[in-house]
N, C-alpha and C. Protein backbone atom coordinates (compact mmCIF):
# COMPACT_ATOMS: atom_id res chain seq x y z
N UNK A 1 101.80 103.67 136.61
CA UNK A 1 101.93 103.33 135.37
C UNK A 1 101.93 104.34 134.09
N UNK A 2 102.17 104.15 132.97
CA UNK A 2 101.60 104.91 131.75
C UNK A 2 100.85 105.61 131.76
N UNK A 3 101.00 106.92 131.55
CA UNK A 3 99.54 107.54 130.66
C UNK A 3 99.63 107.60 129.35
N UNK A 4 97.86 107.62 128.69
CA UNK A 4 97.72 107.92 127.63
C UNK A 4 98.50 108.68 126.85
N UNK A 5 99.19 108.56 125.72
CA UNK A 5 99.87 109.17 125.13
C UNK A 5 101.37 109.73 125.42
N UNK A 6 101.84 109.19 126.59
CA UNK A 6 103.34 109.47 126.86
C UNK A 6 104.40 109.54 126.03
N UNK A 7 104.18 108.38 125.49
CA UNK A 7 105.29 107.50 124.54
C UNK A 7 105.41 108.67 123.42
N UNK A 8 104.00 108.93 123.11
CA UNK A 8 104.06 109.51 121.71
C UNK A 8 104.35 110.87 122.22
N UNK A 9 104.33 111.40 123.29
CA UNK A 9 104.98 112.87 123.83
C UNK A 9 106.83 112.61 123.38
N UNK A 10 106.75 111.48 124.15
CA UNK A 10 108.58 111.01 123.66
C UNK A 10 108.83 111.24 122.67
N UNK A 11 108.24 110.81 121.17
CA UNK A 11 108.52 110.73 119.94
C UNK A 11 108.43 111.97 119.48
N UNK A 12 107.49 112.79 119.83
CA UNK A 12 107.62 114.24 119.64
C UNK A 12 108.73 115.18 120.58
N UNK A 13 108.78 114.83 121.51
CA UNK A 13 110.38 115.64 121.95
C UNK A 13 111.29 115.11 121.14
N UNK A 14 111.86 114.35 121.00
CA UNK A 14 112.82 113.23 120.53
C UNK A 14 112.73 113.32 119.08
N UNK A 15 111.92 113.87 118.20
CA UNK A 15 111.91 113.31 116.88
C UNK A 15 111.87 111.82 116.11
N UNK A 16 111.34 110.86 117.10
CA UNK A 16 112.16 109.82 116.81
C UNK A 16 110.37 108.85 116.89
N UNK A 17 110.12 108.15 115.73
CA UNK A 17 109.32 107.58 115.95
C UNK A 17 109.37 105.87 116.54
N UNK A 18 108.24 105.26 116.77
CA UNK A 18 108.76 103.91 117.34
C UNK A 18 107.70 102.65 116.70
N UNK A 19 108.00 101.70 117.28
CA UNK A 19 107.76 100.24 115.94
C UNK A 19 107.05 99.52 117.47
N UNK A 20 106.06 98.96 117.68
CA UNK A 20 106.06 97.44 118.27
C UNK A 20 105.45 96.60 117.47
N UNK A 21 106.37 95.52 117.49
CA UNK A 21 105.71 94.39 117.01
C UNK A 21 105.17 93.22 117.96
N UNK A 22 104.30 92.70 117.48
CA UNK A 22 103.72 91.41 118.16
C UNK A 22 103.06 90.34 117.85
N UNK A 23 104.05 89.22 118.16
CA UNK A 23 103.53 87.76 117.80
C UNK A 23 102.85 87.24 119.12
N UNK A 24 102.00 86.76 118.59
CA UNK A 24 101.05 85.87 119.69
C UNK A 24 100.67 84.30 119.26
N UNK A 25 100.16 83.64 120.08
CA UNK A 25 99.55 82.33 119.89
C UNK A 25 98.31 82.70 119.73
N UNK A 26 97.68 81.62 119.03
CA UNK A 26 96.54 81.57 118.84
C UNK A 26 95.65 81.48 120.18
N UNK A 27 94.73 83.02 120.22
CA UNK A 27 93.94 82.57 121.64
C UNK A 27 94.26 83.09 122.64
N UNK A 28 95.44 83.87 122.48
CA UNK A 28 96.54 84.37 123.21
C UNK A 28 95.76 85.87 123.91
N UNK A 29 95.51 86.40 122.55
CA UNK A 29 94.47 87.94 122.86
C UNK A 29 95.26 89.17 122.35
N UNK A 30 96.22 88.48 121.37
CA UNK A 30 97.63 89.22 120.85
C UNK A 30 96.69 90.99 120.22
N UNK A 31 96.00 90.01 119.26
CA UNK A 31 95.28 91.25 118.53
C UNK A 31 94.27 92.13 119.13
N UNK A 32 93.55 91.90 120.49
CA UNK A 32 92.76 92.78 120.97
C UNK A 32 94.37 93.29 121.79
N UNK A 33 95.38 92.75 122.16
CA UNK A 33 96.40 93.97 122.85
C UNK A 33 96.72 94.93 122.02
N UNK A 34 96.97 94.61 120.78
CA UNK A 34 97.10 95.81 119.83
C UNK A 34 96.01 96.67 119.74
N UNK A 35 94.98 96.29 119.72
CA UNK A 35 94.09 96.83 119.32
C UNK A 35 93.75 98.23 120.46
N UNK A 36 93.89 97.68 121.88
CA UNK A 36 93.86 98.79 123.04
C UNK A 36 95.29 99.09 123.15
N UNK A 37 96.30 98.76 122.26
CA UNK A 37 97.68 99.54 122.43
C UNK A 37 97.47 101.13 121.39
N UNK A 38 96.97 100.51 120.03
CA UNK A 38 96.34 101.53 119.47
C UNK A 38 95.42 102.64 119.81
N UNK A 39 94.63 102.09 120.72
CA UNK A 39 93.47 103.20 121.26
C UNK A 39 94.68 104.26 122.00
N UNK A 40 95.04 103.24 123.01
CA UNK A 40 95.85 104.21 124.42
C UNK A 40 97.12 105.15 123.72
N UNK A 41 97.81 104.36 122.65
CA UNK A 41 98.72 105.43 122.54
C UNK A 41 98.28 106.37 120.70
N UNK A 42 97.59 106.17 120.44
CA UNK A 42 96.95 107.23 119.78
C UNK A 42 97.57 106.65 118.20
N UNK A 43 98.59 105.67 117.97
CA UNK A 43 98.73 105.23 116.60
C UNK A 43 98.19 104.08 116.00
N UNK A 44 98.06 103.99 114.62
CA UNK A 44 97.43 102.81 113.85
C UNK A 44 98.21 101.28 114.41
N UNK A 45 97.63 100.61 114.11
CA UNK A 45 97.94 98.80 114.02
C UNK A 45 97.98 98.49 112.66
N UNK A 46 98.74 97.87 112.41
CA UNK A 46 98.57 97.11 111.30
C UNK A 46 98.81 95.41 111.32
N UNK A 47 97.99 94.75 110.44
CA UNK A 47 98.29 93.07 110.25
C UNK A 47 97.61 92.96 108.94
N UNK A 48 96.38 92.61 108.72
CA UNK A 48 96.23 92.60 107.42
C UNK A 48 96.47 93.71 106.12
N UNK A 49 96.15 94.98 107.13
CA UNK A 49 95.97 96.40 105.98
C UNK A 49 97.58 95.98 104.97
N UNK A 50 98.69 95.39 106.03
CA UNK A 50 99.80 95.51 105.24
C UNK A 50 99.74 94.75 103.92
N UNK A 51 98.68 93.49 103.69
CA UNK A 51 98.71 92.95 102.37
C UNK A 51 97.88 93.96 101.19
N UNK A 52 96.95 94.92 101.44
CA UNK A 52 96.55 96.01 101.07
C UNK A 52 97.55 97.08 100.33
N UNK A 53 98.39 97.42 101.26
CA UNK A 53 99.44 97.96 101.06
C UNK A 53 100.40 97.81 100.37
N UNK A 54 100.78 96.54 100.02
CA UNK A 54 102.17 96.24 99.32
C UNK A 54 101.38 95.81 97.91
N UNK A 55 99.86 95.52 97.90
CA UNK A 55 99.24 95.37 96.92
C UNK A 55 99.38 96.57 95.93
N UNK A 56 99.28 97.86 96.49
CA UNK A 56 99.03 99.23 95.93
C UNK A 56 100.53 99.64 95.71
N UNK A 57 101.76 99.38 96.40
CA UNK A 57 102.28 99.92 95.90
C UNK A 57 103.66 98.71 95.06
N UNK A 58 103.00 97.37 94.59
CA UNK A 58 103.38 96.89 93.93
C UNK A 58 103.04 96.61 92.24
N UNK A 59 101.20 96.70 92.61
CA UNK A 59 100.43 96.83 91.35
C UNK A 59 99.91 95.46 91.26
N UNK A 60 100.55 94.37 92.52
CA UNK A 60 100.07 93.19 92.32
C UNK A 60 98.54 93.04 92.86
N UNK A 61 97.86 92.12 92.42
CA UNK A 61 96.34 91.80 92.79
C UNK A 61 96.51 91.57 94.39
N UNK A 62 95.62 92.39 95.37
CA UNK A 62 95.37 91.91 96.47
C UNK A 62 95.20 90.62 97.41
N UNK A 63 94.20 89.94 96.17
CA UNK A 63 93.94 88.59 96.73
C UNK A 63 95.29 87.81 96.34
N UNK A 64 96.19 87.89 95.62
CA UNK A 64 97.55 87.28 95.60
C UNK A 64 98.08 86.99 96.63
N UNK A 65 98.24 88.09 97.18
CA UNK A 65 98.84 88.31 98.84
C UNK A 65 98.49 87.64 99.86
N UNK A 66 96.94 87.80 99.49
CA UNK A 66 95.89 87.20 100.70
C UNK A 66 95.97 85.51 100.30
N UNK A 67 96.36 84.85 99.27
CA UNK A 67 96.42 83.59 99.16
C UNK A 67 97.68 83.12 99.59
N UNK A 68 98.66 83.78 98.80
CA UNK A 68 100.11 83.59 99.59
C UNK A 68 100.50 83.52 100.93
N UNK A 69 99.76 84.04 101.86
CA UNK A 69 99.69 84.57 103.17
C UNK A 69 99.55 83.44 104.01
N UNK A 70 98.10 82.54 103.21
CA UNK A 70 97.47 81.49 103.53
C UNK A 70 97.71 79.67 103.58
N UNK A 71 98.84 80.10 102.28
CA UNK A 71 98.86 78.89 101.64
C UNK A 71 100.04 77.75 101.47
N UNK A 72 101.01 78.67 102.15
CA UNK A 72 102.76 78.13 102.40
C UNK A 72 102.45 77.33 103.60
N UNK A 73 101.96 75.90 102.69
CA UNK A 73 101.94 74.89 103.95
C UNK A 73 101.96 73.66 103.62
N UNK A 74 101.82 72.34 104.35
CA UNK A 74 102.04 71.35 103.95
C UNK A 74 103.19 70.75 103.50
N UNK A 75 103.13 70.20 102.22
CA UNK A 75 104.13 69.28 101.50
C UNK A 75 105.22 70.30 101.16
N UNK A 76 104.35 71.51 100.51
CA UNK A 76 105.13 72.61 100.14
C UNK A 76 106.12 73.44 100.20
N UNK A 77 105.44 73.57 101.99
CA UNK A 77 105.94 74.38 103.04
C UNK A 77 107.30 73.01 103.16
N UNK A 78 107.70 72.07 103.55
CA UNK A 78 108.38 70.81 103.82
C UNK A 78 109.28 71.24 103.03
N UNK A 79 109.12 71.20 101.74
CA UNK A 79 109.79 71.11 100.85
C UNK A 79 110.76 72.69 101.12
N UNK A 80 110.00 73.67 101.12
CA UNK A 80 110.88 74.84 101.50
C UNK A 80 111.30 75.28 102.76
N UNK A 81 110.94 74.52 103.85
CA UNK A 81 112.32 74.84 105.02
C UNK A 81 113.36 74.44 104.59
N UNK A 82 114.69 75.17 105.61
CA UNK A 82 115.69 74.50 105.30
C UNK A 82 116.71 75.32 104.17
N UNK A 83 115.63 76.22 103.15
CA UNK A 83 116.39 77.05 101.91
C UNK A 83 116.13 78.38 102.80
N UNK A 84 116.97 79.10 102.72
CA UNK A 84 117.12 80.68 102.31
C UNK A 84 116.64 81.39 101.36
N UNK A 85 115.60 81.96 102.07
CA UNK A 85 114.80 82.64 100.96
C UNK A 85 115.71 83.81 100.52
N UNK A 86 115.83 84.33 99.16
CA UNK A 86 116.67 85.65 98.94
C UNK A 86 115.38 86.69 99.69
N UNK A 87 116.27 87.52 100.25
CA UNK A 87 115.52 88.79 100.86
C UNK A 87 114.95 89.90 100.09
N UNK A 88 115.52 89.73 99.09
CA UNK A 88 115.19 91.06 97.85
C UNK A 88 114.07 91.41 97.06
N UNK A 89 113.50 92.22 97.11
CA UNK A 89 112.01 92.15 96.13
C UNK A 89 113.10 92.30 94.52
N UNK A 90 112.31 91.21 93.38
CA UNK A 90 112.66 91.12 92.64
C UNK A 90 112.12 91.95 91.36
N UNK A 91 112.08 92.40 90.57
CA UNK A 91 111.84 93.26 89.36
C UNK A 91 110.41 92.73 88.60
N UNK A 92 109.54 93.81 88.30
CA UNK A 92 108.36 92.81 87.68
C UNK A 92 108.77 92.34 86.25
N UNK A 93 109.79 92.65 85.78
CA UNK A 93 110.00 91.82 84.70
C UNK A 93 110.10 90.08 84.88
N UNK A 94 110.54 90.03 86.08
CA UNK A 94 111.10 89.08 86.57
C UNK A 94 109.74 87.96 86.59
N UNK A 95 110.08 86.41 86.28
CA UNK A 95 109.13 85.21 85.98
C UNK A 95 108.76 84.89 88.11
N UNK A 96 109.48 85.56 88.96
CA UNK A 96 109.37 85.04 90.32
C UNK A 96 108.86 86.48 90.93
N UNK A 97 108.44 87.54 89.94
CA UNK A 97 107.84 88.56 90.58
C UNK A 97 106.40 88.20 91.59
N UNK A 98 105.55 87.38 91.18
CA UNK A 98 104.18 86.87 92.07
C UNK A 98 104.88 85.56 92.72
N UNK A 99 105.80 85.46 93.26
CA UNK A 99 106.17 84.03 93.36
C UNK A 99 105.81 84.71 95.09
N UNK A 100 105.63 83.26 96.04
CA UNK A 100 105.37 83.74 97.63
C UNK A 100 106.63 84.60 98.17
N UNK A 101 107.81 83.95 97.68
CA UNK A 101 108.83 84.85 98.31
C UNK A 101 108.86 86.11 97.95
N UNK A 102 108.37 86.35 97.14
CA UNK A 102 108.88 88.07 96.35
C UNK A 102 107.57 88.61 97.21
N UNK A 103 106.19 88.03 96.98
CA UNK A 103 105.14 88.87 98.01
C UNK A 103 105.36 89.17 99.33
N UNK A 104 106.07 87.94 99.85
CA UNK A 104 106.76 88.41 101.36
C UNK A 104 107.37 89.66 101.47
N UNK A 105 108.57 89.45 100.51
CA UNK A 105 109.69 90.44 100.26
C UNK A 105 109.02 92.11 100.21
N UNK A 106 108.10 91.98 99.42
CA UNK A 106 107.47 93.27 99.33
C UNK A 106 106.84 93.46 100.53
N UNK A 107 106.07 92.78 101.22
CA UNK A 107 105.49 93.32 102.59
C UNK A 107 106.48 93.37 103.66
N UNK A 108 107.79 92.93 103.64
CA UNK A 108 108.83 93.35 104.38
C UNK A 108 109.14 94.36 104.40
N UNK A 109 109.21 95.15 103.15
CA UNK A 109 109.62 96.44 102.77
C UNK A 109 108.57 97.67 102.90
N UNK A 110 107.48 97.19 102.83
CA UNK A 110 106.24 98.09 103.73
C UNK A 110 106.59 98.01 105.34
N UNK A 111 106.93 97.05 105.75
CA UNK A 111 107.68 97.23 107.43
C UNK A 111 108.44 98.05 107.60
N UNK A 112 109.87 97.69 107.06
CA UNK A 112 111.19 98.73 107.23
C UNK A 112 110.32 100.01 106.67
N UNK A 113 109.75 100.29 105.83
CA UNK A 113 109.37 101.86 105.51
C UNK A 113 108.64 102.56 106.75
N UNK A 114 107.77 101.86 106.77
CA UNK A 114 106.55 102.23 108.47
C UNK A 114 107.81 102.31 109.68
N UNK A 115 108.72 101.42 109.55
CA UNK A 115 109.42 102.03 111.02
C UNK A 115 110.55 102.92 110.37
N UNK A 116 110.53 103.46 109.52
CA UNK A 116 111.54 105.18 109.50
C UNK A 116 110.46 105.81 109.03
N UNK A 117 109.13 105.81 109.34
CA UNK A 117 108.31 106.86 108.92
C UNK A 117 107.09 107.54 109.95
N UNK A 118 107.08 106.24 110.72
CA UNK A 118 105.64 106.59 111.54
C UNK A 118 105.63 105.60 112.25
N UNK A 119 104.98 106.20 113.61
CA UNK A 119 105.05 104.94 115.24
C UNK A 119 103.83 104.52 114.55
N UNK A 120 103.87 102.62 114.90
CA UNK A 120 102.76 101.83 114.57
C UNK A 120 102.99 100.87 115.57
N UNK A 121 102.11 100.07 115.29
CA UNK A 121 102.02 98.34 115.86
C UNK A 121 102.10 97.51 114.93
N UNK A 122 102.49 96.44 114.39
CA UNK A 122 102.65 95.73 113.83
C UNK A 122 102.44 94.28 114.40
N UNK A 123 101.12 93.54 113.94
CA UNK A 123 100.55 92.19 114.50
C UNK A 123 101.46 91.43 113.49
N UNK A 124 102.07 90.26 114.18
CA UNK A 124 102.77 89.18 112.82
C UNK A 124 103.68 89.78 112.17
N UNK A 125 103.43 89.05 111.00
CA UNK A 125 104.45 89.29 109.68
C UNK A 125 105.94 89.07 109.55
N UNK A 126 106.64 88.27 110.80
CA UNK A 126 107.84 88.26 111.19
C UNK A 126 108.20 89.52 111.59
N UNK A 127 107.57 90.33 111.37
CA UNK A 127 108.15 92.18 111.70
C UNK A 127 108.91 92.11 112.91
N UNK A 128 109.12 90.99 114.11
CA UNK A 128 110.37 91.57 114.89
C UNK A 128 111.90 90.87 114.33
N UNK A 129 112.06 90.16 113.43
CA UNK A 129 112.80 90.15 112.77
C UNK A 129 112.84 90.79 111.50
N UNK A 130 112.31 90.81 110.80
CA UNK A 130 112.70 92.15 109.91
C UNK A 130 113.09 93.12 110.52
N UNK A 131 112.86 93.82 111.37
CA UNK A 131 112.93 95.22 112.17
C UNK A 131 114.37 94.69 113.57
N UNK A 132 114.75 93.59 113.28
CA UNK A 132 115.57 93.27 114.62
C UNK A 132 116.84 94.05 115.08
N UNK A 133 117.55 94.45 113.63
CA UNK A 133 118.47 95.87 113.49
C UNK A 133 118.07 96.99 113.76
N UNK A 134 116.82 97.52 114.04
CA UNK A 134 116.45 98.77 114.15
C UNK A 134 116.46 99.29 115.88
N UNK A 135 116.71 100.99 115.88
CA UNK A 135 116.53 100.63 117.19
C UNK A 135 115.32 101.53 118.02
N UNK A 136 114.42 101.27 117.10
CA UNK A 136 113.21 102.22 117.44
C UNK A 136 111.97 101.17 117.56
N UNK A 137 112.45 99.94 118.19
CA UNK A 137 111.36 99.06 117.74
C UNK A 137 111.42 98.03 119.08
N UNK A 138 110.18 97.93 119.63
CA UNK A 138 110.02 97.23 121.05
C UNK A 138 109.27 95.60 120.14
N UNK A 139 109.89 94.70 120.99
CA UNK A 139 109.09 93.49 120.11
C UNK A 139 108.59 92.57 121.24
N UNK A 140 107.09 92.14 121.02
CA UNK A 140 106.38 91.53 122.00
C UNK A 140 106.44 90.27 121.73
N UNK A 141 106.23 89.07 122.35
CA UNK A 141 105.51 87.81 122.15
C UNK A 141 104.32 87.65 123.40
N UNK A 142 103.21 87.41 122.59
CA UNK A 142 101.96 87.52 123.86
C UNK A 142 101.70 85.74 123.65
N UNK A 143 101.83 85.54 124.62
CA UNK A 143 101.17 83.63 124.89
C UNK A 143 100.18 83.72 126.18
N UNK A 144 99.68 82.84 126.11
CA UNK A 144 98.75 82.11 127.80
C UNK A 144 98.34 80.80 127.62
N UNK A 145 98.36 80.30 128.62
CA UNK A 145 98.14 78.78 128.68
C UNK A 145 97.15 78.04 127.85
N UNK A 146 97.29 76.66 127.35
CA UNK A 146 96.64 76.30 126.38
C UNK A 146 95.20 76.13 126.85
N UNK A 147 94.87 75.91 128.16
CA UNK A 147 93.65 75.83 128.59
C UNK A 147 92.97 77.49 128.21
N UNK A 148 93.47 78.46 128.55
CA UNK A 148 92.74 80.24 128.53
C UNK A 148 92.80 80.10 127.16
N UNK A 149 93.72 79.66 125.86
CA UNK A 149 93.49 80.30 124.51
C UNK A 149 92.04 79.40 124.22
N UNK A 150 91.95 78.08 124.64
CA UNK A 150 90.85 77.11 124.55
C UNK A 150 89.61 77.91 124.29
N UNK A 151 89.41 78.40 125.91
CA UNK A 151 88.28 79.19 126.50
C UNK A 151 88.13 80.54 125.28
N UNK A 152 89.47 81.13 125.48
CA UNK A 152 89.27 82.34 124.16
C UNK A 152 88.60 81.91 123.24
N UNK A 153 89.18 81.12 122.30
CA UNK A 153 88.42 80.80 121.20
C UNK A 153 87.19 80.41 121.45
N UNK A 154 87.02 79.36 122.08
CA UNK A 154 85.26 79.20 122.07
C UNK A 154 84.57 80.47 122.50
N UNK A 155 84.68 81.20 123.31
CA UNK A 155 83.91 82.38 123.59
C UNK A 155 83.82 83.53 122.06
N UNK A 156 85.02 83.46 121.69
CA UNK A 156 85.30 84.50 120.62
C UNK A 156 84.36 83.59 119.43
N UNK A 157 84.81 82.53 119.16
CA UNK A 157 84.43 81.96 117.68
C UNK A 157 82.92 81.27 117.66
N UNK A 158 82.83 80.91 119.06
CA UNK A 158 81.45 79.61 119.28
C UNK A 158 81.58 78.49 118.68
N UNK A 159 82.66 78.24 118.69
CA UNK A 159 82.96 76.40 119.13
C UNK A 159 83.02 75.59 120.08
N UNK A 160 83.28 74.43 119.68
CA UNK A 160 83.44 73.14 120.94
C UNK A 160 84.70 73.74 121.46
N UNK A 161 85.21 72.87 122.41
CA UNK A 161 86.16 72.34 123.09
C UNK A 161 87.35 71.77 121.89
N UNK A 162 86.83 70.81 121.39
CA UNK A 162 87.85 70.10 120.77
C UNK A 162 87.78 70.95 119.45
N UNK A 163 87.05 71.65 118.58
CA UNK A 163 87.12 72.44 117.79
C UNK A 163 88.59 73.53 117.69
N UNK A 164 88.23 74.20 119.10
CA UNK A 164 88.73 75.05 119.25
C UNK A 164 90.48 74.54 119.54
N UNK A 165 90.86 73.53 120.32
CA UNK A 165 92.25 72.81 120.24
C UNK A 165 92.69 72.45 118.60
N UNK A 166 91.84 71.97 117.56
CA UNK A 166 92.13 72.19 116.58
C UNK A 166 92.61 73.34 115.85
N UNK A 167 91.99 74.36 116.28
CA UNK A 167 92.36 75.13 115.33
C UNK A 167 93.45 75.99 116.29
N UNK A 168 93.52 76.08 117.59
CA UNK A 168 94.71 76.44 117.56
C UNK A 168 96.10 75.95 117.23
N UNK A 169 96.25 74.28 117.19
CA UNK A 169 97.23 73.64 117.08
C UNK A 169 97.59 73.81 115.22
N UNK A 170 96.23 73.96 114.46
CA UNK A 170 96.42 74.40 113.02
C UNK A 170 97.24 75.55 113.04
N UNK A 171 96.84 76.99 113.48
CA UNK A 171 97.33 77.75 113.25
C UNK A 171 98.22 78.08 113.63
N UNK A 172 98.88 77.70 114.91
CA UNK A 172 100.25 77.84 115.67
C UNK A 172 101.14 77.18 114.65
N UNK A 173 100.95 76.13 114.41
CA UNK A 173 102.14 75.56 113.47
C UNK A 173 102.45 76.13 112.53
N UNK A 174 101.07 76.29 111.93
CA UNK A 174 101.14 77.05 110.50
C UNK A 174 101.96 78.63 110.86
N UNK A 175 102.19 79.29 111.79
CA UNK A 175 102.69 80.72 111.96
C UNK A 175 104.06 80.11 112.52
N UNK A 176 104.49 78.93 113.15
CA UNK A 176 105.63 78.32 113.60
C UNK A 176 106.59 77.98 112.23
N UNK A 177 105.66 77.49 111.27
CA UNK A 177 106.46 76.90 110.02
C UNK A 177 106.82 78.48 109.02
N UNK A 178 105.77 79.19 109.07
CA UNK A 178 106.03 80.38 108.11
C UNK A 178 106.80 81.14 108.50
N UNK A 179 107.10 81.21 109.94
CA UNK A 179 108.22 81.82 110.30
C UNK A 179 109.16 81.58 110.25
N UNK A 180 109.57 80.22 110.40
CA UNK A 180 111.05 79.05 110.21
C UNK A 180 111.37 79.83 108.90
N UNK A 181 110.49 79.41 107.82
CA UNK A 181 110.58 79.58 106.78
C UNK A 181 111.42 80.87 106.10
N UNK A 182 110.51 81.94 106.63
CA UNK A 182 110.83 83.45 106.36
C UNK A 182 112.03 83.74 107.01
N UNK A 183 112.27 83.38 108.00
CA UNK A 183 113.54 83.80 108.70
C UNK A 183 114.91 83.18 108.93
N UNK A 184 114.65 82.21 107.87
CA UNK A 184 116.01 81.16 107.43
C UNK A 184 116.39 80.18 108.76
N UNK A 185 115.26 79.86 109.19
CA UNK A 185 115.36 78.75 110.38
C UNK A 185 114.96 78.96 111.61
N UNK A 186 114.52 80.27 112.03
CA UNK A 186 114.30 80.67 113.42
C UNK A 186 113.56 80.30 113.74
N UNK A 187 113.06 79.53 115.04
CA UNK A 187 112.02 79.64 115.67
C UNK A 187 110.95 80.87 116.45
N UNK A 188 109.42 80.79 116.17
CA UNK A 188 109.00 81.64 116.35
C UNK A 188 108.55 82.17 117.68
N UNK A 189 108.80 80.81 118.62
CA UNK A 189 108.35 81.32 120.03
C UNK A 189 109.82 81.22 120.84
N UNK A 190 111.45 81.18 119.86
CA UNK A 190 112.46 81.82 121.03
C UNK A 190 112.27 83.07 121.86
N UNK A 191 112.21 83.06 123.09
CA UNK A 191 112.42 84.51 123.89
C UNK A 191 113.34 84.96 123.54
N UNK A 192 114.43 84.60 123.19
CA UNK A 192 115.69 85.74 122.71
C UNK A 192 115.21 86.46 121.37
N UNK A 193 114.66 86.17 120.75
CA UNK A 193 113.73 86.96 119.70
C UNK A 193 113.00 88.12 119.60
N UNK A 194 112.49 88.47 121.25
CA UNK A 194 111.71 89.35 121.38
C UNK A 194 112.45 89.69 122.52
N UNK A 195 111.67 91.06 122.93
CA UNK A 195 112.63 91.91 124.11
C UNK A 195 111.92 91.37 125.15
N UNK A 196 110.26 90.82 125.23
CA UNK A 196 109.65 90.59 126.38
C UNK A 196 108.56 89.49 126.19
N UNK A 197 108.60 88.74 126.73
CA UNK A 197 107.42 87.62 126.58
C UNK A 197 106.18 88.01 127.63
N UNK A 198 104.94 87.92 127.19
CA UNK A 198 103.99 88.43 128.31
C UNK A 198 102.57 87.09 128.53
N UNK A 199 102.69 86.60 129.42
CA UNK A 199 101.40 85.82 129.59
C UNK A 199 99.95 86.68 130.04
N UNK A 200 99.46 86.34 128.93
CA UNK A 200 98.08 87.76 128.98
C UNK A 200 97.21 86.92 129.87
N UNK A 201 97.48 85.72 130.24
CA UNK A 201 96.36 84.98 131.48
C UNK A 201 96.90 85.54 132.49
N UNK A 202 97.60 85.16 132.76
CA UNK A 202 98.26 85.61 134.01
C UNK A 202 98.25 86.97 134.74
N UNK A 203 98.74 88.15 133.42
CA UNK A 203 98.68 89.57 133.62
C UNK A 203 97.62 90.24 133.32
N UNK A 204 96.69 89.19 132.51
CA UNK A 204 95.63 90.21 132.01
C UNK A 204 95.96 91.18 131.15
N UNK A 205 95.02 91.09 130.39
CA UNK A 205 95.06 91.69 128.59
C UNK A 205 95.14 93.28 128.41
N UNK A 206 94.52 93.40 129.70
CA UNK A 206 94.88 95.11 130.08
C UNK A 206 96.17 95.41 130.84
N UNK A 207 96.64 94.70 131.77
CA UNK A 207 97.87 94.92 132.16
C UNK A 207 99.09 95.29 131.24
N UNK A 208 98.75 93.58 130.41
CA UNK A 208 99.79 93.76 129.13
C UNK A 208 100.05 95.29 128.46
N UNK A 209 98.98 95.76 128.26
CA UNK A 209 98.94 97.08 127.74
C UNK A 209 99.95 97.85 127.98
N UNK A 210 99.15 98.41 129.92
CA UNK A 210 100.35 99.02 130.71
C UNK A 210 101.71 98.57 130.41
N UNK A 211 101.86 97.25 130.89
CA UNK A 211 103.32 96.90 130.98
C UNK A 211 104.19 97.39 129.54
N UNK A 212 103.53 96.77 128.66
CA UNK A 212 104.06 97.30 126.65
C UNK A 212 104.89 99.16 126.95
N UNK A 213 103.59 99.95 127.00
CA UNK A 213 103.52 101.09 127.34
C UNK A 213 104.81 101.82 128.29
N UNK A 214 104.90 100.97 129.39
CA UNK A 214 105.81 101.13 129.84
C UNK A 214 107.21 101.26 129.58
N UNK A 215 107.14 99.85 128.79
CA UNK A 215 108.48 99.46 128.11
C UNK A 215 109.32 100.21 126.84
N UNK A 216 108.37 101.00 126.08
CA UNK A 216 108.47 102.00 125.57
C UNK A 216 108.81 103.13 126.02
N UNK A 217 108.71 103.50 126.71
CA UNK A 217 109.71 104.69 128.01
C UNK A 217 110.71 104.24 127.97
N UNK A 218 111.00 102.96 129.29
CA UNK A 218 112.08 102.57 129.54
C UNK A 218 113.20 102.29 128.43
N UNK A 219 112.83 101.41 127.13
CA UNK A 219 113.83 101.02 125.94
C UNK A 219 113.93 101.93 125.44
N UNK A 220 112.87 102.68 124.83
CA UNK A 220 112.98 103.89 123.88
C UNK A 220 113.44 105.34 123.83
N UNK A 221 113.04 105.67 125.22
CA UNK A 221 112.82 107.10 125.46
C UNK A 221 113.68 107.22 126.49
N UNK A 222 114.36 105.88 127.53
CA UNK A 222 115.41 106.04 128.54
C UNK A 222 114.88 106.91 129.39
N UNK A 223 113.54 106.52 130.11
CA UNK A 223 112.50 107.12 131.12
C UNK A 223 112.49 106.02 132.48
């Protein structure tokens, strides 16, 4: 199996940085897998940190990015889905500078810059679609059976089984709607949008890390 640092050695030898994007069902352990990958490979992982980076780059208050990241839902989202958002960042002089779409586009530019400049792991943020045309990207979707996700959420958050079901349903619906809007109608769980889909319950989270490390070498460094 993959030894720690092998992919990073490949990056140093070839001069090619690499990106791992991770999409995940709520309770499947995708964030834990990203953290373990980060430790094993010695590269950073980004999720909410991208909101801070986008704020620093744009000068827009970080709170607006957090609010935008959470509020496109319900009736408003239903009206937006089906439209294709403008993929370009508008200038500060525009009245749309702080719109939800522009705030997302600023984050997308951060993600593209990361893909060009460093090796890292990006969790969520539609990163697999933003970087779909980049040849240094491995896109992964992590999922697990509902019962395993429920148990994971109960253990981690200290909630009842009923509440765990509710949180999973609500969060996964929001992620699916968010993805559908910002990718112009694509489906979040479509396996064709990823290089690989892993069942973290059957595989085990640590073995998911090992498999992803092997896939980096196979896809990106031809080993």
